[in-house]
C-alpha atoms as a PDB file:
ATOM      1  CA  GLY A   1      83.974  80.415 114.317  1.00  0.00           C
ATOM      2  CA  GLY A   2      82.835  77.829 116.768  1.00  0.00           C
ATOM      3  CA  ARG A   3      82.027  80.170 119.662  1.00  0.00           C
ATOM      4  CA  THR A   4      79.353  82.710 120.481  1.00  0.00           C
ATOM      5  CA  ARG A   5      78.708  85.700 118.270  1.00  0.00           C
ATOM      6  CA  PRO A   6      80.256  88.227 120.697  1.00  0.00           C
ATOM      7  CA  GLU A   7      83.437  86.141 120.962  1.00  0.00           C
ATOM      8  CA  ASN A   8      83.685  85.775 117.190  1.00  0.00           C
ATOM      9  CA  PHE A   9      83.051  89.492 116.757  1.00  0.00           C
ATOM     10  CA  ALA A  10      85.711  90.409 119.318  1.00  0.00           C
ATOM     11  CA  TRP A  11      88.294  88.232 117.582  1.00  0.00           C
ATOM     12  CA  SER A  12      87.362  89.582 114.149  1.00  0.00           C
ATOM     13  CA  LEU A  13      87.717  93.112 115.462  1.00  0.00           C
ATOM     14  CA  LEU A  14      91.154  92.370 116.941  1.00  0.00           C
ATOM     15  CA  VAL A  15      92.376  90.913 113.641  1.00  0.00           C
ATOM     16  CA  LEU A  16      90.875  93.794 111.650  1.00  0.00           C
ATOM     17  CA  ILE A  17      92.665  96.348 113.839  1.00  0.00           C
ATOM     18  CA  GLY A  18      95.975  94.553 113.210  1.00  0.00           C
ATOM     19  CA  ALA A  19      95.403  94.454 109.453  1.00  0.00           C
ATOM     20  CA  ALA A  20      94.453  98.139 109.427  1.00  0.00           C
ATOM     21  CA  ALA A  21      97.576  99.059 111.401  1.00  0.00           C
ATOM     22  CA  MET A  22      99.809  97.157 108.966  1.00  0.00           C
ATOM     23  CA  THR A  23      98.091  98.731 105.971  1.00  0.00           C
ATOM     24  CA  ARG A  24      98.435 102.204 107.453  1.00  0.00           C
ATOM     25  CA  THR A  25     102.142 101.646 108.175  1.00  0.00           C
ATOM     26  CA  TYR A  26     102.803 100.457 104.609  1.00  0.00           C
ATOM     27  CA  MET A  27     100.896 103.397 103.159  1.00  0.00           C
ATOM     28  CA  ARG A  28     102.839 105.860 105.316  1.00  0.00           C
ATOM     29  CA  ALA A  29     106.124 104.222 104.362  1.00  0.00           C
ATOM     30  CA  PHE A  30     105.634 104.510 100.639  1.00  0.00           C
ATOM     31  CA  ALA A  31     104.386 108.080 100.901  1.00  0.00           C
ATOM     32  CA  LEU A  32     107.618 109.160 102.613  1.00  0.00           C
ATOM     33  CA  LYS A  33     111.149 109.519 101.358  1.00  0.00           C
ATOM     34  CA  ARG A  34     113.559 106.572 101.654  1.00  0.00           C
ATOM     35  CA  GLN A  35     115.360 108.015 104.708  1.00  0.00           C
ATOM     36  CA  ALA A  36     112.132 108.333 106.718  1.00  0.00           C
ATOM     37  CA  VAL A  37     111.052 104.768 105.928  1.00  0.00           C
ATOM     38  CA  GLU A  38     113.812 103.263 108.077  1.00  0.00           C
ATOM     39  CA  GLY A  39     112.045 104.399 111.257  1.00  0.00           C
ATOM     40  CA  LEU A  40     108.748 102.849 110.196  1.00  0.00           C
ATOM     41  CA  ALA A  41     110.197  99.318 110.117  1.00  0.00           C
ATOM     42  CA  ALA A  42     109.994  99.245 113.927  1.00  0.00           C
ATOM     43  CA  ASP A  43     106.347 100.325 113.679  1.00  0.00           C
ATOM     44  CA  LEU A  44     105.618  97.470 111.306  1.00  0.00           C
ATOM     45  CA  ARG A  45     107.303  94.982 113.621  1.00  0.00           C
ATOM     46  CA  ALA A  46     105.107  96.268 116.452  1.00  0.00           C
ATOM     47  CA  CYS A  47     102.097  95.675 114.182  1.00  0.00           C
ATOM     48  CA  PHE A  48     103.234  92.070 113.656  1.00  0.00           C
ATOM     49  CA  LEU A  49     103.585  91.581 117.415  1.00  0.00           C
ATOM     50  CA  TYR A  50     100.044  92.879 117.931  1.00  0.00           C
ATOM     51  CA  ALA A  51      98.772  90.752 115.035  1.00  0.00           C
ATOM     52  CA  GLY A  52     100.368  87.684 116.639  1.00  0.00           C
ATOM     53  CA  PHE A  53      98.522  88.333 119.889  1.00  0.00           C
ATOM     54  CA  ALA A  54      95.286  89.062 118.032  1.00  0.00           C
ATOM     55  CA  TRP A  55      95.523  85.905 115.928  1.00  0.00           C
ATOM     56  CA  GLY A  56      96.519  83.795 118.916  1.00  0.00           C
ATOM     57  CA  ALA A  57      93.514  85.111 120.854  1.00  0.00           C
ATOM     58  CA  GLY A  58      91.410  83.352 118.241  1.00  0.00           C
ATOM     59  CA  ALA A  59      92.369  80.058 119.884  1.00  0.00           C
ATOM     60  CA  PHE A  60      90.241  81.191 122.825  1.00  0.00           C
ATOM     61  CA  LEU A  61      87.694  83.362 121.003  1.00  0.00           C
ATOM     62  CA  ALA A  62      87.015  81.639 117.673  1.00  0.00           C
ATOM     63  CA  LEU A  63      87.974  77.964 117.750  1.00  0.00           C
ATOM     64  CA  PRO A  64      85.430  75.648 119.349  1.00  0.00           C
ATOM     65  CA  THR A  65      86.353  74.055 122.647  1.00  0.00           C
ATOM     66  CA  ALA A  66      86.102  70.649 120.980  1.00  0.00           C
ATOM     67  CA  ALA A  67      88.896  71.572 118.559  1.00  0.00           C
ATOM     68  CA  GLY A  68      91.662  69.055 118.802  1.00  0.00           C
ATOM     69  CA  PRO A  69      95.395  69.583 118.575  1.00  0.00           C
ATOM     70  CA  THR A  70      95.323  69.290 114.773  1.00  0.00           C
ATOM     71  CA  ALA A  71      92.985  72.277 114.472  1.00  0.00           C
ATOM     72  CA  LEU A  72      95.196  74.325 116.777  1.00  0.00           C
ATOM     73  CA  ILE A  73      98.344  73.338 114.896  1.00  0.00           C
ATOM     74  CA  LEU A  74      96.758  74.357 111.592  1.00  0.00           C
ATOM     75  CA  PHE A  75      95.357  77.547 113.142  1.00  0.00           C
ATOM     76  CA  ALA A  76      98.831  78.572 114.326  1.00  0.00           C
ATOM     77  CA  GLY A  77     100.980  77.040 111.608  1.00  0.00           C
ATOM     78  CA  ILE A  78      99.344  78.163 108.373  1.00  0.00           C
ATOM     79  CA  PRO A  79      99.463  81.932 109.047  1.00  0.00           C
ATOM     80  CA  THR A  80     103.019  81.626 110.342  1.00  0.00           C
ATOM     81  CA  LEU A  81     104.072  79.713 107.225  1.00  0.00           C
ATOM     82  CA  LEU A  82     102.404  82.301 104.983  1.00  0.00           C
ATOM     83  CA  LEU A  83     104.148  85.135 106.784  1.00  0.00           C
ATOM     84  CA  ALA A  84     107.462  83.295 106.618  1.00  0.00           C
ATOM     85  CA  ALA A  85     106.988  82.753 102.878  1.00  0.00           C
ATOM     86  CA  LEU A  86     106.300  86.453 102.283  1.00  0.00           C
ATOM     87  CA  MET A  87     108.667  88.290 104.610  1.00  0.00           C
ATOM     88  CA  HIS A  88     112.425  88.728 104.539  1.00  0.00           C
ATOM     89  CA  ASP A  89     112.411  90.065 108.083  1.00  0.00           C
ATOM     90  CA  ARG A  90     113.260  87.400 110.672  1.00  0.00           C
ATOM     91  CA  ALA A  91     112.239  89.664 113.546  1.00  0.00           C
ATOM     92  CA  ALA A  92     108.750  90.162 112.117  1.00  0.00           C
ATOM     93  CA  ILE A  93     108.296  86.410 111.721  1.00  0.00           C
ATOM     94  CA  LEU A  94     109.420  85.772 115.292  1.00  0.00           C
ATOM     95  CA  LEU A  95     107.302  88.617 116.691  1.00  0.00           C
ATOM     96  CA  PHE A  96     104.231  87.088 115.046  1.00  0.00           C
ATOM     97  CA  ALA A  97     104.997  83.416 115.695  1.00  0.00           C
ATOM     98  CA  ALA A  98     105.878  83.695 119.393  1.00  0.00           C
ATOM     99  CA  PRO A  99     102.534  85.017 120.682  1.00  0.00           C
ATOM    100  CA  VAL A 100     100.548  82.837 118.273  1.00  0.00           C
ATOM    101  CA  GLY A 101     102.377  79.732 119.461  1.00  0.00           C
ATOM    102  CA  ALA A 102     102.146  80.663 123.139  1.00  0.00           C
ATOM    103  CA  LEU A 103      98.438  81.476 123.043  1.00  0.00           C
ATOM    104  CA  CYS A 104      97.535  78.402 120.984  1.00  0.00           C
ATOM    105  CA  ALA A 105      99.582  76.195 123.298  1.00  0.00           C
ATOM    106  CA  SER A 106      97.809  77.770 126.261  1.00  0.00           C
ATOM    107  CA  ALA A 107      94.482  77.068 124.611  1.00  0.00           C
ATOM    108  CA  ALA A 108      95.505  73.459 124.036  1.00  0.00           C
ATOM    109  CA  ILE A 109      96.137  73.062 127.746  1.00  0.00           C
ATOM    110  CA  LEU A 110      93.384  75.241 129.228  1.00  0.00           C
ATOM    111  CA  ASP A 111      90.519  75.509 126.788  1.00  0.00           C
ATOM    112  CA  THR A 112      90.436  72.727 124.209  1.00  0.00           C
ATOM    113  CA  ALA A 113      90.936  68.996 123.988  1.00  0.00           C
ATOM    114  CA  GLY A 114      94.603  69.277 122.942  1.00  0.00           C
ATOM    115  CA  GLY A 115      96.270  68.729 126.303  1.00  0.00           C
ATOM    116  CA  LEU A 116      99.988  68.853 126.988  1.00  0.00           C
ATOM    117  CA  ALA A 117     100.896  66.679 124.024  1.00  0.00           C
ATOM    118  CA  GLY A 118      99.067  69.014 121.627  1.00  0.00           C
ATOM    119  CA  ALA A 119     100.736  72.039 123.184  1.00  0.00           C
ATOM    120  CA  GLY A 120     104.154  70.435 122.886  1.00  0.00           C
ATOM    121  CA  VAL A 121     103.682  69.510 119.237  1.00  0.00           C
ATOM    122  CA  LEU A 122     102.336  72.964 118.455  1.00  0.00           C
ATOM    123  CA  LEU A 123     105.315  74.705 120.045  1.00  0.00           C
ATOM    124  CA  LEU A 124     107.736  72.397 118.239  1.00  0.00           C
ATOM    125  CA  ILE A 125     106.122  73.128 114.884  1.00  0.00           C
ATOM    126  CA  GLN A 126     106.085  76.894 115.484  1.00  0.00           C
ATOM    127  CA  SER A 127     109.741  76.772 116.521  1.00  0.00           C
ATOM    128  CA  ALA A 128     110.656  74.719 113.467  1.00  0.00           C
ATOM    129  CA  ILE A 129     108.946  77.203 111.151  1.00  0.00           C
ATOM    130  CA  VAL A 130     110.878  80.109 112.664  1.00  0.00           C
ATOM    131  CA  ILE A 131     114.215  78.261 112.647  1.00  0.00           C
ATOM    132  CA  VAL A 132     113.901  76.957 109.099  1.00  0.00           C
ATOM    133  CA  THR A 133     112.852  80.328 107.689  1.00  0.00           C
ATOM    134  CA  SER A 134     115.708  82.011 109.533  1.00  0.00           C
ATOM    135  CA  LEU A 135     118.189  79.566 108.033  1.00  0.00           C
ATOM    136  CA  MET A 136     116.709  79.860 104.548  1.00  0.00           C
ATOM    137  CA  ALA A 137     116.578  83.661 104.529  1.00  0.00           C
ATOM    138  CA  PRO A 138     118.809  85.111 101.830  1.00  0.00           C
ATOM    139  CA  LYS A 139     121.960  86.831 103.000  1.00  0.00           C
ATOM    140  CA  ASN A 140     122.014  89.346 100.140  1.00  0.00           C
ATOM    141  CA  ALA A 141     121.253  93.039 100.485  1.00  0.00           C
ATOM    142  CA  ARG A 142     117.674  94.212 100.548  1.00  0.00           C
ATOM    143  CA  THR A 143     116.118  96.863  98.387  1.00  0.00           C
ATOM    144  CA  LEU A 144     113.774  97.910 101.188  1.00  0.00           C
ATOM    145  CA  PRO A 145     114.452  98.401 104.887  1.00  0.00           C
ATOM    146  CA  ALA A 146     113.979  95.494 107.278  1.00  0.00           C
ATOM    147  CA  GLY A 147     110.340  94.885 107.948  1.00  0.00           C
ATOM    148  CA  PHE A 148     109.199  96.156 104.561  1.00  0.00           C
ATOM    149  CA  ALA A 149     111.028  93.661 102.376  1.00  0.00           C
ATOM    150  CA  LEU A 150     108.566  91.221 100.874  1.00  0.00           C
ATOM    151  CA  ARG A 151     109.999  88.226  99.031  1.00  0.00           C
END
């Protein structure tokens, strides 16, 4: 990262907690019977919401203050695109993308050299990713409950 060691450590810890929570939820889901897994989809969506806030906090904790709007757009867009490519669950994508986009846009205005134009472009790109993946999502039945269905 481009910040101090404590800031980088704090962000790494936040992201690690989110990854551990998702891993734990997946492990619990596949250890249980099919009927019990349905309730864990909400837990996984909550993990994605937390992960979105944790990743978005990296705009303040990990990216250097000299990072321009392109760095912020890539920082927010690439993980959202990867999640959208992997998940069938529109809610999980939105729950991750919304806090990432909001925090990165806030960082563009408050903390980095992005300014209002960078924040506007970033929010447009995040919105486009969510809208396009929602439109492209298959309408067929899933083999796993919502939230657990990987493409």
